[in-house]
Protein backbone atom coordinates (compact mmCIF):
# COMPACT_ATOMS: atom_id res chain seq x y z
CA UNK A 1 21.50 -10.91 34.81
CA UNK A 2 20.59 -11.33 38.41
CA UNK A 3 16.71 -9.61 37.78
CA UNK A 4 12.94 -10.87 37.53
CA UNK A 5 11.96 -8.91 34.52
CA UNK A 6 10.97 -10.48 31.46
CA UNK A 7 11.42 -9.54 28.49
CA UNK A 8 15.04 -9.10 29.21
CA UNK A 9 16.03 -5.45 29.14
CA UNK A 10 18.68 -5.15 26.59
CA UNK A 11 20.85 -3.71 29.10
CA UNK A 12 20.98 -4.28 32.76
CA UNK A 13 23.66 -2.76 35.31
CA UNK A 14 23.76 -3.22 39.11
CA UNK A 15 25.15 -1.11 40.83
CA UNK A 16 26.26 -1.78 44.34
CA UNK A 17 24.38 1.53 45.64
CA UNK A 18 21.02 1.86 47.87
CA UNK A 19 18.26 0.67 46.18
CA UNK A 20 14.50 2.00 46.66
CA UNK A 21 12.20 0.69 49.10
CA UNK A 22 8.48 1.90 48.57
CA UNK A 23 6.94 3.07 51.18
CA UNK A 24 2.78 4.09 51.58
CA UNK A 25 2.41 7.30 49.91
CA UNK A 26 5.54 7.26 48.14
CA UNK A 27 5.37 10.17 45.67
CA UNK A 28 5.60 9.34 41.94
CA UNK A 29 5.73 12.76 40.44
CA UNK A 30 5.62 13.59 36.40
CA UNK A 31 5.46 16.89 34.22
CA UNK A 32 3.52 15.89 31.20
CA UNK A 33 -0.25 15.32 31.50
CA UNK A 34 0.21 13.20 28.32
CA UNK A 35 1.03 9.97 30.86
CA UNK A 36 -1.02 10.78 33.44
CA UNK A 37 -2.81 7.74 32.70
CA UNK A 38 0.00 5.52 32.81
CA UNK A 39 1.28 6.62 36.37
CA UNK A 40 -2.39 6.25 37.52
CA UNK A 41 -2.78 2.78 36.11
CA UNK A 42 0.70 1.61 37.79
CA UNK A 43 0.03 3.13 40.82
CA UNK A 44 -3.41 1.28 41.22
CA UNK A 45 -1.57 -2.11 39.80
CA UNK A 46 1.11 -1.73 42.93
CA UNK A 47 -1.38 -0.98 45.09
CA UNK A 48 -3.27 -4.54 43.93
CA UNK A 49 -0.03 -6.20 43.89
CA UNK A 50 1.16 -5.28 47.13
CA UNK A 51 -1.11 -3.52 49.40
CA UNK A 52 0.52 -0.21 49.19
CA UNK A 53 -1.36 3.28 47.88
CA UNK A 54 0.97 5.90 45.93
CA UNK A 55 0.65 9.13 45.78
CA UNK A 56 0.71 10.44 41.91
CA UNK A 57 1.41 14.03 41.64
CA UNK A 58 1.38 16.11 38.54
CA UNK A 59 4.11 19.15 37.78
CA UNK A 60 3.82 21.54 40.68
CA UNK A 61 2.12 20.20 42.90
CA UNK A 62 5.29 17.68 43.28
CA UNK A 63 7.78 18.22 46.09
CA UNK A 64 10.73 19.82 44.66
CA UNK A 65 12.51 15.94 44.72
CA UNK A 66 9.97 13.17 44.19
CA UNK A 67 11.29 9.91 45.17
CA UNK A 68 9.81 8.45 42.09
CA UNK A 69 10.39 10.92 39.20
CA UNK A 70 8.58 10.34 35.37
CA UNK A 71 9.84 12.12 33.02
CA UNK A 72 8.54 12.38 29.40
CA UNK A 73 11.78 14.18 27.26
CA UNK A 74 12.37 14.54 23.42
CA UNK A 75 15.80 13.25 24.02
CA UNK A 76 15.72 10.47 26.66
CA UNK A 77 19.06 9.46 27.67
CA UNK A 78 18.94 5.45 26.20
CA UNK A 79 20.59 7.46 23.42
CA UNK A 80 22.83 4.61 20.93
CA UNK A 81 20.28 1.64 21.18
CA UNK A 82 18.78 -0.22 17.94
CA UNK A 83 15.76 0.70 16.50
CA UNK A 84 13.89 -1.94 16.46
CA UNK A 85 13.41 -4.65 13.39
CA UNK A 86 10.11 -5.29 11.31
CA UNK A 87 7.20 -3.49 10.90
CA UNK A 88 4.86 -1.33 13.37
CA UNK A 89 1.98 -2.53 14.05
CA UNK A 90 -0.05 0.87 13.76
CA UNK A 91 1.79 1.29 10.51
CA UNK A 92 4.77 3.98 10.22
CA UNK A 93 7.40 3.99 11.23
CA UNK A 94 7.63 2.13 14.82
CA UNK A 95 6.89 3.45 18.09
CA UNK A 96 9.48 4.77 20.23
CA UNK A 97 9.89 2.32 22.78
CA UNK A 98 13.14 2.65 24.49
CA UNK A 99 13.30 3.83 28.21
CA UNK A 100 15.57 4.41 31.00
CA UNK A 101 15.22 3.62 33.93
CA UNK A 102 17.54 4.36 37.34
CA UNK A 103 17.47 3.41 40.79
CA UNK A 104 19.76 3.90 43.32
CA UNK A 105 20.70 6.73 46.38
CA UNK A 106 16.78 6.92 47.48
CA UNK A 107 15.32 7.47 44.16
CA UNK A 108 14.07 6.47 41.45
CA UNK A 109 13.81 8.06 37.99
CA UNK A 110 12.05 6.85 34.79
CA UNK A 111 12.90 8.59 31.84
CA UNK A 112 11.42 8.02 27.92
CA UNK A 113 10.67 9.71 24.51
CA UNK A 114 7.09 8.85 24.15
CA UNK A 115 4.39 7.50 26.30
CA UNK A 116 4.80 3.82 24.90
CA UNK A 117 8.47 4.02 26.54
CA UNK A 118 6.62 5.07 29.68
CA UNK A 119 4.83 2.57 29.54
CA UNK A 120 7.56 -0.19 29.20
CA UNK A 121 9.62 1.55 32.11
CA UNK A 122 7.13 1.78 34.21
CA UNK A 123 6.35 -2.61 33.63
CA UNK A 124 9.96 -2.73 34.64
CA UNK A 125 9.38 -1.05 37.80
CA UNK A 126 6.67 -2.88 38.88
CA UNK A 127 7.95 -6.68 37.95
CA UNK A 128 11.05 -5.37 40.27
CA UNK A 129 8.98 -4.44 42.82
CA UNK A 130 6.09 -7.29 42.53
CA UNK A 131 8.27 -9.92 41.67
CA UNK A 132 11.26 -9.00 44.26
CA UNK A 133 11.83 -11.42 47.37
CA UNK A 134 12.73 -8.28 49.93
CA UNK A 135 9.31 -7.23 50.34
CA UNK A 136 8.59 -3.42 48.42
CA UNK A 137 12.54 -2.71 47.75
CA UNK A 138 13.64 -2.74 44.20
CA UNK A 139 17.46 -3.26 43.61
CA UNK A 140 20.26 -0.40 43.01
CA UNK A 141 20.34 -0.35 39.37
CA UNK A 142 20.27 1.20 35.55
CA UNK A 143 18.21 -0.43 32.82
CA UNK A 144 18.56 0.81 29.48
CA UNK A 145 16.26 -0.66 26.81
CA UNK A 146 14.62 -1.29 23.86
CA UNK A 147 12.33 -3.77 21.74
CA UNK A 148 14.66 -6.43 19.15
CA UNK A 149 11.05 -5.95 16.66
CA UNK A 150 8.50 -3.98 16.54
CA UNK A 151 5.94 -6.26 15.74
CA UNK A 152 5.84 -8.54 19.47
CA UNK A 153 2.11 -10.94 19.39
CA UNK A 154 -0.28 -13.21 20.27
CA UNK A 155 -2.93 -15.18 18.11
CA UNK A 156 -5.81 -15.72 19.88
CA UNK A 157 -8.45 -18.86 18.74
CA UNK A 158 -11.91 -17.14 20.03
CA UNK A 159 -13.85 -19.12 17.14
CA UNK A 160 -13.35 -22.93 18.29
CA UNK A 161 -13.76 -21.59 22.01
CA UNK A 162 -15.71 -18.57 22.87
CA UNK A 163 -14.18 -16.50 25.00
CA UNK A 164 -15.90 -12.99 26.78
CA UNK A 165 -14.95 -9.70 26.43
CA UNK A 166 -14.12 -9.95 30.38
CA UNK A 167 -11.58 -12.51 29.44
CA UNK A 168 -10.45 -11.11 26.76
CA UNK A 169 -9.29 -8.29 28.62
CA UNK A 170 -7.13 -10.16 30.83
CA UNK A 171 -5.25 -11.75 27.95
CA UNK A 172 -4.36 -7.82 26.81
CA UNK A 173 -3.51 -7.21 30.52
CA UNK A 174 -1.43 -10.47 29.98
CA UNK A 175 0.36 -8.29 27.17
CA UNK A 176 1.05 -5.21 28.53
CA UNK A 177 2.97 -6.91 31.12
CA UNK A 178 5.51 -8.71 28.96
CA UNK A 179 5.51 -6.08 26.45
CA UNK A 180 3.78 -7.68 23.47
CA UNK A 181 1.24 -4.88 21.33
CA UNK A 182 -0.10 -7.43 18.97
CA UNK A 183 -3.40 -9.50 19.34
CA UNK A 184 -4.02 -10.95 16.79
CA UNK A 185 -8.02 -12.32 17.09
CA UNK A 186 -8.81 -15.72 15.14
CA UNK A 187 -12.35 -14.74 14.61
CA UNK A 188 -14.18 -16.76 12.02
CA UNK A 189 -13.42 -21.26 11.48
CA UNK A 190 -15.19 -23.64 10.35
CA UNK A 191 -16.65 -24.18 14.40
CA UNK A 192 -18.08 -20.65 14.51
CA UNK A 193 -18.57 -17.66 13.51
CA UNK A 194 -18.43 -14.80 16.03
CA UNK A 195 -18.70 -11.95 14.01
CA UNK A 196 -21.96 -9.77 13.19
CA UNK A 197 -21.30 -8.68 10.07
CA UNK A 198 -22.00 -11.56 7.54
CA UNK A 199 -24.93 -13.05 9.67
CA UNK A 200 -28.22 -12.95 8.49
CA UNK A 201 -30.79 -10.72 10.16
CA UNK A 202 -31.99 -12.34 13.22
CA UNK A 203 -35.86 -13.17 12.65
CA UNK A 204 -38.84 -15.52 15.50
CA UNK A 205 -37.42 -18.04 13.62
CA UNK A 206 -33.65 -17.91 13.98
CA UNK A 207 -32.44 -15.78 16.86
CA UNK A 208 -29.19 -14.19 16.41
CA UNK A 209 -27.20 -16.48 19.30
CA UNK A 210 -29.07 -20.35 17.82
CA UNK A 211 -27.07 -22.75 17.30
CA UNK A 212 -28.58 -22.94 13.82
CA UNK A 213 -26.66 -19.49 13.28
CA UNK A 214 -23.67 -20.19 14.43
CA UNK A 215 -23.65 -19.90 18.81
CA UNK A 216 -22.14 -17.11 20.32
CA UNK A 217 -20.96 -14.39 18.76
CA UNK A 218 -19.79 -10.90 19.11
CA UNK A 219 -21.55 -7.14 18.96
CA UNK A 220 -19.82 -4.61 16.90
CA UNK A 221 -19.81 -2.73 20.03
CA UNK A 222 -17.86 -5.59 22.07
CA UNK A 223 -15.16 -5.59 19.86
CA UNK A 224 -14.57 -1.77 19.37
CA UNK A 225 -14.50 -1.77 23.58
CA UNK A 226 -11.52 -4.36 23.24
CA UNK A 227 -9.88 -2.67 20.52
CA UNK A 228 -10.19 0.95 23.09
CA UNK A 229 -9.41 -1.18 25.83
CA UNK A 230 -5.84 -2.68 23.84
CA UNK A 231 -5.01 0.66 22.41
CA UNK A 232 -4.95 1.98 26.11
CA UNK A 233 -2.19 -0.43 27.31
CA UNK A 234 -0.36 0.13 23.57
CA UNK A 235 -1.80 -3.56 22.24
CA UNK A 236 -2.87 -2.77 18.30
CA UNK A 237 -5.67 -5.45 17.88
CA UNK A 238 -5.82 -7.29 14.36
CA UNK A 239 -8.69 -9.05 13.36
CA UNK A 240 -8.57 -12.15 11.56
CA UNK A 241 -11.75 -13.32 8.89
CA UNK A 242 -10.15 -16.89 7.48
CA UNK A 243 -10.78 -17.77 4.24
CA UNK A 244 -11.50 -19.71 1.47
CA UNK A 245 -11.21 -22.39 3.97
CA UNK A 246 -12.20 -22.66 6.97
CA UNK A 247 -15.71 -21.39 6.30
CA UNK A 248 -18.17 -24.27 7.50
CA UNK A 249 -19.97 -21.83 9.65
CA UNK A 250 -20.20 -19.03 7.44
CA UNK A 251 -21.57 -21.78 4.99
CA UNK A 252 -24.12 -23.29 7.54
CA UNK A 253 -25.29 -19.24 8.23
CA UNK A 254 -25.06 -18.25 4.25
CA UNK A 255 -26.79 -21.03 2.40
CA UNK A 256 -26.27 -18.67 -0.53
CA UNK A 257 -22.57 -19.02 -0.97
CA UNK A 258 -23.17 -23.39 -1.71
CA UNK A 259 -22.37 -23.13 -5.20
CA UNK A 260 -22.63 -26.91 -6.20
CA UNK A 261 -18.72 -27.34 -5.62
CA UNK A 262 -17.91 -25.91 -3.23
CA UNK A 263 -18.43 -28.64 0.21
CA UNK A 264 -16.47 -31.65 -1.14
CA UNK A 265 -14.98 -34.53 0.15
CA UNK A 266 -11.26 -35.30 -0.26
CA UNK A 267 -9.10 -37.85 0.62
CA UNK A 268 -6.96 -36.61 3.64
CA UNK A 269 -4.72 -40.46 3.95
CA UNK A 270 -5.19 -43.98 2.01
CA UNK A 271 -8.39 -44.99 2.89
CA UNK A 272 -9.65 -41.76 5.14
CA UNK A 273 -12.11 -39.04 3.80
CA UNK A 274 -13.05 -35.57 5.23
CA UNK A 275 -15.55 -32.66 3.96
CA UNK A 276 -13.73 -29.90 2.88
CA UNK A 277 -15.96 -26.29 2.43
CA UNK A 278 -14.62 -22.93 0.74
CA UNK A 279 -15.85 -19.97 -0.58
CA UNK A 280 -16.41 -19.71 -4.64
CA UNK A 281 -14.72 -16.68 -6.37
CA UNK A 282 -16.72 -17.83 -9.42
CA UNK A 283 -20.57 -17.06 -7.60
CA UNK A 284 -21.33 -13.50 -7.85
CA UNK A 285 -22.62 -13.53 -3.82
CA UNK A 286 -19.23 -14.60 -2.57
CA UNK A 287 -17.45 -11.35 -2.63
CA UNK A 288 -21.19 -9.68 -2.28
CA UNK A 289 -20.50 -10.54 1.14
CA UNK A 290 -16.86 -10.29 1.97
CA UNK A 291 -16.79 -6.97 1.08
CA UNK A 292 -19.35 -5.98 3.06
CA UNK A 293 -18.14 -8.43 6.09
CA UNK A 294 -13.96 -6.86 5.45
CA UNK A 295 -15.74 -2.84 5.52
CA UNK A 296 -17.37 -3.89 8.61
CA UNK A 297 -14.80 -5.61 10.52
CA UNK A 298 -12.33 -2.26 9.05
CA UNK A 299 -14.60 -0.17 10.58
CA UNK A 300 -14.17 -1.49 14.06
CA UNK A 301 -10.37 -1.74 13.74
CA UNK A 302 -8.62 1.34 13.15
CA UNK A 303 -5.37 -0.64 12.77
CA UNK A 304 -3.60 -0.56 9.91
CA UNK A 305 -3.97 -4.67 9.05
CA UNK A 306 -6.44 -7.17 8.36
CA UNK A 307 -5.54 -10.58 8.53
CA UNK A 308 -7.31 -12.48 5.20
CA UNK A 309 -6.11 -15.92 6.92
CA UNK A 310 -6.10 -18.24 3.89
CA UNK A 311 -4.52 -21.34 5.40
CA UNK A 312 -5.40 -24.64 4.57
CA UNK A 313 -7.10 -24.24 1.33
CA UNK A 314 -8.27 -28.30 1.11
CA UNK A 315 -9.91 -29.82 -1.33
CA UNK A 316 -9.78 -26.29 -3.13
CA UNK A 317 -8.60 -26.17 -6.62
CA UNK A 318 -5.51 -23.97 -7.19
CA UNK A 319 -6.54 -21.71 -9.73
CA UNK A 320 -9.61 -21.27 -7.47
CA UNK A 321 -7.68 -20.61 -4.46
CA UNK A 322 -5.20 -18.17 -5.54
CA UNK A 323 -8.36 -15.84 -8.07
CA UNK A 324 -9.81 -15.95 -4.64
CA UNK A 325 -6.58 -14.62 -2.47
CA UNK A 326 -6.13 -12.01 -4.88
CA UNK A 327 -8.83 -10.37 -4.67
CA UNK A 328 -9.52 -10.75 -0.97
CA UNK A 329 -6.47 -8.80 -1.13
CA UNK A 330 -7.81 -5.87 -3.40
CA UNK A 331 -10.76 -5.22 -1.68
CA UNK A 332 -8.72 -5.45 2.05
CA UNK A 333 -6.64 -2.34 0.20
CA UNK A 334 -9.69 -0.77 -1.38
CA UNK A 335 -10.96 0.03 2.34
CA UNK A 336 -6.84 2.00 3.10
CA UNK A 337 -5.34 -1.76 4.56
CA UNK A 338 -2.64 -3.79 4.16
CA UNK A 339 -3.55 -7.36 3.93
CA UNK A 340 -1.58 -9.98 5.79
CA UNK A 341 -2.31 -13.92 5.77
CA UNK A 342 -0.52 -17.92 6.40
CA UNK A 343 2.21 -18.78 4.01
CA UNK A 344 -0.05 -20.37 1.70
CA UNK A 345 -0.80 -17.01 1.08
CA UNK A 346 2.42 -17.28 -0.72
CA UNK A 347 0.45 -19.74 -3.37
CA UNK A 348 -1.31 -16.74 -5.40
CA UNK A 349 1.56 -14.63 -5.51
CA UNK A 350 2.88 -11.67 -3.65
CA UNK A 351 2.76 -8.06 -4.33
CA UNK A 352 5.80 -5.86 -2.55
CA UNK A 353 3.25 -4.90 0.55
CA UNK A 354 1.67 -8.15 0.91
CA UNK A 355 2.78 -9.29 4.63
CA UNK A 356 2.91 -13.43 5.16
CA UNK A 357 2.54 -15.36 9.12
CA UNK A 358 4.67 -18.20 8.76
CA UNK A 359 4.33 -21.19 10.46
CA UNK A 360 4.91 -24.68 9.22
CA UNK A 361 8.58 -24.68 9.65
CA UNK A 362 8.31 -28.81 10.27
CA UNK A 363 6.56 -30.92 12.32
CA UNK A 364 7.35 -33.08 15.15
CA UNK A 365 5.54 -36.09 15.43
CA UNK A 366 4.64 -38.47 18.45
CA UNK A 367 6.69 -42.20 17.64
CA UNK A 368 3.10 -43.69 17.25
CA UNK A 369 1.73 -41.81 14.31
CA UNK A 370 0.65 -43.69 11.68
CA UNK A 371 2.89 -43.82 8.53
CA UNK A 372 0.45 -43.15 6.55
CA UNK A 373 -0.31 -40.22 8.38
CA UNK A 374 3.47 -39.01 8.78
CA UNK A 375 3.88 -39.14 4.89
CA UNK A 376 0.78 -36.90 4.61
CA UNK A 377 2.82 -34.19 6.79
CA UNK A 378 6.22 -34.73 5.46
CA UNK A 379 3.88 -33.63 2.24
CA UNK A 380 2.28 -30.66 3.22
CA UNK A 381 6.06 -30.20 5.61
CA UNK A 382 7.46 -29.94 1.63
CA UNK A 383 4.36 -27.61 0.11
CA UNK A 384 5.49 -25.09 3.03
CA UNK A 385 9.07 -25.01 1.86
CA UNK A 386 7.98 -24.19 -1.75
CA UNK A 387 5.84 -21.23 0.31
CA UNK A 388 9.08 -20.29 1.94
CA UNK A 389 11.06 -19.86 -1.13
CA UNK A 390 8.47 -17.74 -2.69
CA UNK A 391 8.30 -15.48 0.32
CA UNK A 392 11.99 -15.31 0.11
CA UNK A 393 12.47 -14.06 -3.66
CA UNK A 394 9.52 -12.28 -2.91
CA UNK A 395 11.41 -10.40 0.37
CA UNK A 396 8.35 -9.05 1.39
CA UNK A 397 8.31 -8.94 5.29
CA UNK A 398 7.48 -11.94 6.84
CA UNK A 399 6.15 -12.62 11.07
CA UNK A 400 7.74 -15.67 12.19
CA UNK A 401 5.17 -17.90 14.12
CA UNK A 402 7.37 -21.07 14.28
CA UNK A 403 5.08 -24.16 14.91
CA UNK A 404 7.65 -25.93 17.62
CA UNK A 405 8.51 -22.79 19.26
CA UNK A 406 5.11 -20.32 18.48
CA UNK A 407 2.56 -22.60 19.31
CA UNK A 408 1.13 -23.02 22.85
CA UNK A 409 -1.01 -25.52 21.62
CA UNK A 410 1.38 -28.27 21.95
CA UNK A 411 1.57 -30.59 24.76
CA UNK A 412 3.93 -29.76 27.46
CA UNK A 413 7.04 -32.86 28.48
CA UNK A 414 8.03 -31.40 31.28
CA UNK A 415 6.39 -33.26 35.10
CA UNK A 416 3.64 -31.24 36.78
CA UNK A 417 5.95 -29.92 39.70
CA UNK A 418 2.76 -31.35 42.39
CA UNK A 419 1.82 -34.63 40.38
CA UNK A 420 2.46 -36.36 43.86
CA UNK A 421 0.04 -34.01 45.51
CA UNK A 422 -3.60 -35.96 45.30
CA UNK A 423 -6.72 -34.24 45.27
CA UNK A 424 -6.79 -30.46 44.92
CA UNK A 425 -4.10 -28.15 43.34
CA UNK A 426 -2.09 -31.68 42.28
CA UNK A 427 -5.02 -33.57 41.07
CA UNK A 428 -5.65 -30.12 38.41
CA UNK A 429 -2.70 -29.52 37.43
CA UNK A 430 -2.59 -33.50 36.52
CA UNK A 431 -6.22 -33.30 34.65
CA UNK A 432 -4.91 -30.52 32.51
CA UNK A 433 -1.55 -31.64 31.58
CA UNK A 434 -2.53 -34.99 30.36
CA UNK A 435 -5.68 -33.15 28.30
CA UNK A 436 -4.56 -30.33 27.12
CA UNK A 437 -2.49 -29.58 23.94
CA UNK A 438 -3.00 -31.36 20.27
CA UNK A 439 -2.00 -35.00 20.41
CA UNK A 440 -0.73 -34.81 16.31
CA UNK A 441 2.28 -33.24 18.58
CA UNK A 442 4.73 -34.23 20.01
CA UNK A 443 5.52 -32.92 23.56
CA UNK A 444 7.87 -30.53 24.15
CA UNK A 445 9.34 -29.18 27.59
CA UNK A 446 9.41 -25.51 28.50
CA UNK A 447 13.54 -25.28 27.72
CA UNK A 448 13.18 -26.72 23.79
CA UNK A 449 10.45 -24.18 23.18
CA UNK A 450 12.27 -21.32 24.53
CA UNK A 451 15.76 -22.10 22.33
CA UNK A 452 15.32 -20.93 18.70
CA UNK A 453 16.36 -17.98 16.98
CA UNK A 454 13.80 -15.82 15.61
CA UNK A 455 16.16 -14.43 12.35
CA UNK A 456 16.67 -17.87 11.35
CA UNK A 457 13.44 -18.88 10.70
CA UNK A 458 13.56 -17.97 6.88
CA UNK A 459 17.22 -19.92 6.54
CA UNK A 460 20.74 -18.30 6.13
CA UNK A 461 20.57 -14.59 4.75
CA UNK A 462 17.15 -13.90 5.46
CA UNK A 463 17.27 -11.72 9.03
CA UNK A 464 16.08 -8.74 7.17
CA UNK A 465 12.61 -9.96 6.03
CA UNK A 466 11.66 -11.29 10.02
CA UNK A 467 9.41 -8.35 10.60
CA UNK A 468 7.91 -9.38 14.38
CA UNK A 469 7.27 -12.51 16.54
CA UNK A 470 3.93 -13.87 17.35
CA UNK A 471 2.56 -16.77 19.23
CA UNK A 472 -0.30 -18.33 18.54
CA UNK A 473 -2.72 -20.07 21.13
CA UNK A 474 -5.35 -23.00 19.15
CA UNK A 475 -8.53 -24.12 21.22
CA UNK A 476 -9.39 -27.42 19.72
CA UNK A 477 -8.51 -28.89 23.55
CA UNK A 478 -9.56 -25.81 25.82
CA UNK A 479 -12.85 -25.96 27.69
CA UNK A 480 -12.80 -22.01 29.22
CA UNK A 481 -10.29 -19.60 30.94
CA UNK A 482 -8.41 -21.75 32.98
CA UNK A 483 -7.57 -24.44 30.31
CA UNK A 484 -6.34 -21.21 28.08
CA UNK A 485 -3.78 -19.40 30.79
CA UNK A 486 -2.70 -23.03 31.49
CA UNK A 487 -1.12 -23.38 28.18
CA UNK A 488 0.49 -19.72 27.69
CA UNK A 489 2.14 -19.74 31.23
CA UNK A 490 4.86 -19.90 31.35
CA UNK A 491 5.45 -20.28 27.65
CA UNK A 492 4.15 -17.23 26.68
CA UNK A 493 6.98 -15.27 28.28
CA UNK A 494 9.69 -16.80 26.99
CA UNK A 495 7.96 -16.13 23.36
CA UNK A 496 7.78 -12.11 24.77
CA UNK A 497 11.78 -12.40 25.59
CA UNK A 498 12.59 -13.82 22.12
CA UNK A 499 10.46 -11.37 20.14
CA UNK A 500 11.64 -8.26 22.81
CA UNK A 501 15.11 -8.56 23.64
CA UNK A 502 18.58 -9.24 22.25
CA UNK A 503 19.34 -12.45 21.14
CA UNK A 504 22.96 -12.33 23.82
CA UNK A 505 20.56 -12.38 26.88
CA UNK A 506 19.05 -16.12 25.24
CA UNK A 507 20.15 -18.72 27.52
CA UNK A 508 17.68 -20.73 29.20
CA UNK A 509 18.90 -21.05 32.72
CA UNK A 510 18.83 -17.27 33.39
CA UNK A 511 15.61 -17.08 31.60
CA UNK A 512 14.16 -20.01 33.86
CA UNK A 513 15.97 -18.39 36.86
CA UNK A 514 13.56 -15.42 36.21
CA UNK A 515 10.54 -17.43 35.71
CA UNK A 516 10.39 -18.90 38.80
CA UNK A 517 9.43 -15.64 40.31
CA UNK A 518 6.52 -14.80 38.08
CA UNK A 519 4.01 -17.41 39.06
CA UNK A 520 3.99 -15.40 42.31
CA UNK A 521 2.36 -12.61 39.46
CA UNK A 522 -0.01 -15.31 37.93
CA UNK A 523 -1.24 -16.45 41.04
CA UNK A 524 -2.11 -12.57 42.56
CA UNK A 525 -3.93 -12.30 39.03
CA UNK A 526 -5.86 -15.21 39.53
CA UNK A 527 -4.16 -16.63 36.42
CA UNK A 528 -4.05 -21.02 36.18
CA UNK A 529 -0.31 -21.73 34.78
CA UNK A 530 1.52 -24.71 34.56
CA UNK A 531 3.81 -25.53 37.25
CA UNK A 532 6.56 -27.38 35.62
CA UNK A 533 8.95 -29.60 37.57
CA UNK A 534 11.81 -28.32 35.60
CA UNK A 535 11.50 -24.57 37.25
CA UNK A 536 12.20 -23.77 40.45
CA UNK A 537 8.99 -21.70 41.80
CA UNK A 538 9.60 -18.91 44.38
């Protein structure tokens, strides 16, 4: 496939015909008012990226044969393409994201059955135009496309580093550009509680955003605005309230949650003790508060899924952990939502409608890691294998987030392309390359991160359980938005490719060549990205 579209379309048939050249005031005709906002946004994006002003025209006002035509049809031409596998983030059957894009003889025709298919096709057309080497021209081609998985996601850690509403909107724009349809917001952790629900009422002695109250947080209206912004781009926000572990910030806000046994020290390694904080299921205040928190979160986000976290319950008795997770799931279901939890939640048992996010499939450690640390990690990986066995036995849906390929805070192993550039951009690249990413992970090249197969996440014979793919970015080493985008790019498009594209289009050289032409899009958007020396950036 000689094109720059990421994720790669299901079928891209180059035509030996005249393509299409966009010109000022090119007419974009459409008949259905339901897609008017999508057409207007596409025209605005073309103006932003090229300077060209297009003319969106609805219905009878369009010329007989506008050069660009967008049809919303009940029976679009891209028939025969398989339905996506896995879970719909909006519940029910997956949306019909199929589209046909025909570019030839000086015309462009886009057909889809649903507005979301129109949106996906317009993104493909935008990428062809904005990443092309010939100014304002797209090649003749017949493109038919559909996603492989219905759930394609990024988990964003806003607990360890606070990102503004505007910055999160920029992340949502990036998801739209790569046809990802879920933003999983990790809203709480030991470092901060970014929700208004769960906080004590502010007072002159205790201001709402004081360090004692958990630092900055999002107002309900902020999160509701983000949910609406995302929905307009066919992205569903899945909120995560991570308990019973990772609860230090919450106990700092709510001393009434201290039971006398849920703040403990434990020996992480011989001679190395750590503090663990967890919510005690035997304390009445615990679920009185969690019921209020979950109800508040469910009122903000209209999607059917609520992520309960439930990872790394260190220092918590097994029985207390299982009791807590089972009761929390019941609260989620009472609210009319479906619980989703990290793989450790399998230790509390699994019901048919539970969903598990599987992350710890193994861990490559740097050679410098001490033997005792390696032994502890190996013990945790062994536990994770038992989690996988429980998940497989229960046949519940699994969101695949294998750390070695989907965790975007793994350090880059590729050298920077601008390593010898000295001051300025080269120095900034070198600084971020050396500073960002958790050093407990062995660095990986972009190619190594890209080379994996989601269907193999749970092992042989378990491909049908894989219900989606999710990247994750954790913010321990991130100090601002430019750090975030440096770690997201260029690896996030590779995860998007695995989630959307047919595995037959999964070769690294082809993806690398397409990736090379996307740097100009990120530059246009003011996004800092890692200019790896292993990619021949256009």
